[in-house]
Amino acid sequence: MLDHMIKDLNDSLADRKLRLPALNVDEFIKAAFVARDRAIGAKHRLEYAEEFHYIGPDQTLDEYIRRNAVPLNS
């Protein structure tokens, strides 16, 4: 997952004609996660923490699917 995130960052930077020569997994973790996770942890009296949230099933297309979907064999 981190390799993919770093690749996306490098691609984004290249689009802007930039690069981060010293960027590696350890540097990426420090830049992207350490300060954020330390701040979240402080809210819970922990050194570090990571927040998660649940995104339930998206039901916005249910009615459209009910009206328009057909079996795969059709």
N, C-alpha and C. Protein backbone atom coordinates (compact mmCIF):
# COMPACT_ATOMS: atom_id res chain seq x y z
N MET A 1 0.82 -1.18 0.00
CA MET A 1 0.00 0.00 0.00
C MET A 1 0.87 1.26 0.00
N LEU A 2 1.92 1.27 0.80
CA LEU A 2 2.78 2.44 0.85
C LEU A 2 3.49 2.67 -0.48
N ASP A 3 3.93 1.59 -1.11
CA ASP A 3 4.58 1.75 -2.41
C ASP A 3 3.64 2.41 -3.40
N HIS A 4 2.38 2.01 -3.38
CA HIS A 4 1.39 2.60 -4.28
C HIS A 4 1.19 4.08 -3.96
N MET A 5 1.12 4.42 -2.68
CA MET A 5 0.94 5.82 -2.27
C MET A 5 2.13 6.66 -2.70
N ILE A 6 3.33 6.12 -2.55
CA ILE A 6 4.54 6.84 -2.96
C ILE A 6 4.56 7.02 -4.46
N LYS A 7 4.19 5.98 -5.20
CA LYS A 7 4.14 6.10 -6.66
C LYS A 7 3.16 7.18 -7.07
N ASP A 8 1.97 7.20 -6.46
CA ASP A 8 0.99 8.23 -6.78
C ASP A 8 1.52 9.62 -6.48
N LEU A 9 2.20 9.76 -5.35
CA LEU A 9 2.78 11.05 -5.00
C LEU A 9 3.82 11.45 -6.03
N ASN A 10 4.71 10.53 -6.38
CA ASN A 10 5.75 10.84 -7.37
C ASN A 10 5.13 11.19 -8.72
N ASP A 11 4.08 10.49 -9.12
CA ASP A 11 3.39 10.81 -10.37
C ASP A 11 2.80 12.22 -10.32
N SER A 12 2.18 12.54 -9.19
CA SER A 12 1.59 13.86 -9.02
C SER A 12 2.66 14.95 -9.07
N LEU A 13 3.78 14.68 -8.43
CA LEU A 13 4.88 15.65 -8.45
C LEU A 13 5.43 15.81 -9.86
N ALA A 14 5.59 14.72 -10.58
CA ALA A 14 6.12 14.77 -11.94
C ALA A 14 5.20 15.60 -12.83
N ASP A 15 3.88 15.48 -12.63
CA ASP A 15 2.93 16.29 -13.40
C ASP A 15 3.18 17.78 -13.16
N ARG A 16 3.69 18.10 -11.97
CA ARG A 16 3.97 19.50 -11.63
C ARG A 16 5.43 19.85 -11.84
N LYS A 17 6.16 18.94 -12.51
CA LYS A 17 7.59 19.12 -12.80
C LYS A 17 8.42 19.25 -11.53
N LEU A 18 8.08 18.43 -10.53
CA LEU A 18 8.78 18.40 -9.24
C LEU A 18 9.19 16.98 -8.92
N ARG A 19 10.11 16.83 -7.98
CA ARG A 19 10.46 15.52 -7.45
C ARG A 19 11.00 15.68 -6.05
N LEU A 20 10.97 14.61 -5.27
CA LEU A 20 11.54 14.57 -3.92
C LEU A 20 12.66 13.54 -3.93
N PRO A 21 13.91 13.99 -4.11
CA PRO A 21 15.01 13.03 -4.27
C PRO A 21 15.21 12.09 -3.09
N ALA A 22 14.92 12.54 -1.87
CA ALA A 22 15.18 11.71 -0.69
C ALA A 22 13.96 10.89 -0.27
N LEU A 23 12.91 10.89 -1.07
CA LEU A 23 11.69 10.20 -0.66
C LEU A 23 11.87 8.69 -0.71
N ASN A 24 11.69 8.07 0.43
CA ASN A 24 11.66 6.61 0.54
C ASN A 24 10.53 6.27 1.50
N VAL A 25 10.33 5.02 1.78
CA VAL A 25 9.21 4.61 2.64
C VAL A 25 9.30 5.27 4.01
N ASP A 26 10.48 5.26 4.62
CA ASP A 26 10.62 5.86 5.96
C ASP A 26 10.31 7.35 5.95
N GLU A 27 10.82 8.06 4.97
CA GLU A 27 10.56 9.50 4.88
C GLU A 27 9.08 9.77 4.61
N PHE A 28 8.46 8.95 3.77
CA PHE A 28 7.05 9.11 3.47
C PHE A 28 6.21 8.92 4.73
N ILE A 29 6.53 7.89 5.51
CA ILE A 29 5.80 7.63 6.76
C ILE A 29 5.92 8.83 7.69
N LYS A 30 7.13 9.35 7.84
CA LYS A 30 7.32 10.52 8.71
C LYS A 30 6.50 11.70 8.22
N ALA A 31 6.55 11.95 6.93
CA ALA A 31 5.86 13.13 6.38
C ALA A 31 4.35 12.97 6.38
N ALA A 32 3.87 11.79 6.08
CA ALA A 32 2.43 11.61 5.88
C ALA A 32 1.67 11.19 7.13
N PHE A 33 2.32 10.49 8.04
CA PHE A 33 1.57 9.87 9.13
C PHE A 33 1.97 10.26 10.55
N VAL A 34 3.24 10.48 10.82
CA VAL A 34 3.69 10.61 12.20
C VAL A 34 3.03 11.77 12.93
N ALA A 35 3.09 12.97 12.38
CA ALA A 35 2.50 14.13 13.08
C ALA A 35 0.99 13.96 13.22
N ARG A 36 0.34 13.49 12.16
CA ARG A 36 -1.11 13.30 12.20
C ARG A 36 -1.50 12.27 13.26
N ASP A 37 -0.81 11.13 13.28
CA ASP A 37 -1.15 10.07 14.23
C ASP A 37 -0.78 10.45 15.66
N ARG A 38 0.24 11.29 15.83
CA ARG A 38 0.58 11.78 17.16
C ARG A 38 -0.53 12.70 17.68
N ALA A 39 -1.05 13.57 16.82
CA ALA A 39 -2.12 14.49 17.22
C ALA A 39 -3.39 13.72 17.57
N ILE A 40 -3.71 12.71 16.78
CA ILE A 40 -4.89 11.88 17.07
C ILE A 40 -4.69 11.14 18.40
N GLY A 41 -3.51 10.60 18.61
CA GLY A 41 -3.22 9.90 19.86
C GLY A 41 -3.37 10.80 21.07
N ALA A 42 -2.94 12.05 20.94
CA ALA A 42 -3.01 12.98 22.06
C ALA A 42 -4.45 13.17 22.53
N LYS A 43 -5.40 13.10 21.59
CA LYS A 43 -6.81 13.24 21.98
C LYS A 43 -7.26 12.10 22.88
N HIS A 44 -6.56 10.98 22.85
CA HIS A 44 -6.94 9.80 23.62
C HIS A 44 -5.88 9.43 24.66
N ARG A 45 -5.00 10.38 24.93
CA ARG A 45 -3.89 10.19 25.89
C ARG A 45 -2.99 9.02 25.50
N LEU A 46 -2.76 8.89 24.21
CA LEU A 46 -1.85 7.88 23.68
C LEU A 46 -0.73 8.58 22.92
N GLU A 47 0.38 7.89 22.77
CA GLU A 47 1.48 8.49 22.01
C GLU A 47 1.09 8.63 20.54
N TYR A 48 0.48 7.58 19.98
CA TYR A 48 0.01 7.59 18.60
C TYR A 48 -1.33 6.88 18.53
N ALA A 49 -2.12 7.23 17.54
CA ALA A 49 -3.38 6.52 17.26
C ALA A 49 -3.73 6.74 15.80
N GLU A 50 -4.57 5.86 15.31
CA GLU A 50 -5.05 5.97 13.94
C GLU A 50 -6.56 5.90 13.96
N GLU A 51 -7.20 6.84 13.30
CA GLU A 51 -8.65 6.86 13.26
C GLU A 51 -9.15 6.06 12.07
N PHE A 52 -10.25 5.40 12.28
CA PHE A 52 -10.92 4.68 11.22
C PHE A 52 -12.37 5.13 11.19
N HIS A 53 -12.97 5.07 10.03
CA HIS A 53 -14.40 5.34 9.95
C HIS A 53 -15.01 4.33 8.99
N TYR A 54 -16.25 4.02 9.26
CA TYR A 54 -16.96 3.02 8.47
C TYR A 54 -17.78 3.73 7.40
N ILE A 55 -17.62 3.30 6.19
CA ILE A 55 -18.44 3.79 5.09
C ILE A 55 -19.34 2.63 4.70
N GLY A 56 -20.59 2.75 5.00
CA GLY A 56 -21.53 1.66 4.73
C GLY A 56 -21.81 1.49 3.26
N PRO A 57 -22.60 0.49 2.94
CA PRO A 57 -22.94 0.26 1.53
C PRO A 57 -23.65 1.48 0.94
N ASP A 58 -23.31 1.82 -0.27
CA ASP A 58 -23.92 2.93 -0.98
C ASP A 58 -25.23 2.45 -1.60
N GLN A 59 -26.31 3.02 -1.15
CA GLN A 59 -27.62 2.58 -1.63
C GLN A 59 -28.25 3.60 -2.58
N THR A 60 -27.47 4.57 -3.04
CA THR A 60 -28.05 5.61 -3.89
C THR A 60 -28.52 5.08 -5.24
N LEU A 61 -27.99 3.97 -5.70
CA LEU A 61 -28.39 3.41 -6.99
C LEU A 61 -29.39 2.27 -6.87
N ASP A 62 -29.81 1.96 -5.67
CA ASP A 62 -30.70 0.81 -5.48
C ASP A 62 -31.96 0.88 -6.33
N GLU A 63 -32.62 2.01 -6.35
CA GLU A 63 -33.86 2.15 -7.12
C GLU A 63 -33.59 2.01 -8.61
N TYR A 64 -32.53 2.64 -9.08
CA TYR A 64 -32.16 2.53 -10.50
C TYR A 64 -31.87 1.08 -10.87
N ILE A 65 -31.12 0.39 -10.02
CA ILE A 65 -30.78 -1.02 -10.27
C ILE A 65 -32.05 -1.87 -10.27
N ARG A 66 -32.93 -1.62 -9.30
CA ARG A 66 -34.18 -2.40 -9.22
C ARG A 66 -34.99 -2.26 -10.51
N ARG A 67 -35.03 -1.06 -11.07
CA ARG A 67 -35.82 -0.83 -12.28
C ARG A 67 -35.14 -1.30 -13.55
N ASN A 68 -33.82 -1.31 -13.61
CA ASN A 68 -33.12 -1.48 -14.88
C ASN A 68 -32.23 -2.72 -15.01
N ALA A 69 -31.88 -3.36 -13.94
CA ALA A 69 -30.95 -4.49 -14.02
C ALA A 69 -31.64 -5.72 -14.63
N VAL A 70 -30.87 -6.47 -15.38
CA VAL A 70 -31.36 -7.73 -15.97
C VAL A 70 -30.38 -8.82 -15.62
N PRO A 71 -30.82 -10.07 -15.64
CA PRO A 71 -29.90 -11.17 -15.34
C PRO A 71 -28.76 -11.23 -16.35
N LEU A 72 -27.62 -11.72 -15.94
CA LEU A 72 -26.44 -11.82 -16.81
C LEU A 72 -26.69 -12.70 -18.02
N ASN A 73 -27.59 -13.65 -17.94
CA ASN A 73 -27.86 -14.57 -19.05
C ASN A 73 -28.62 -13.92 -20.18
N SER A 74 -29.16 -12.72 -20.01
CA SER A 74 -29.97 -12.06 -21.05
C SER A 74 -29.10 -11.47 -22.13
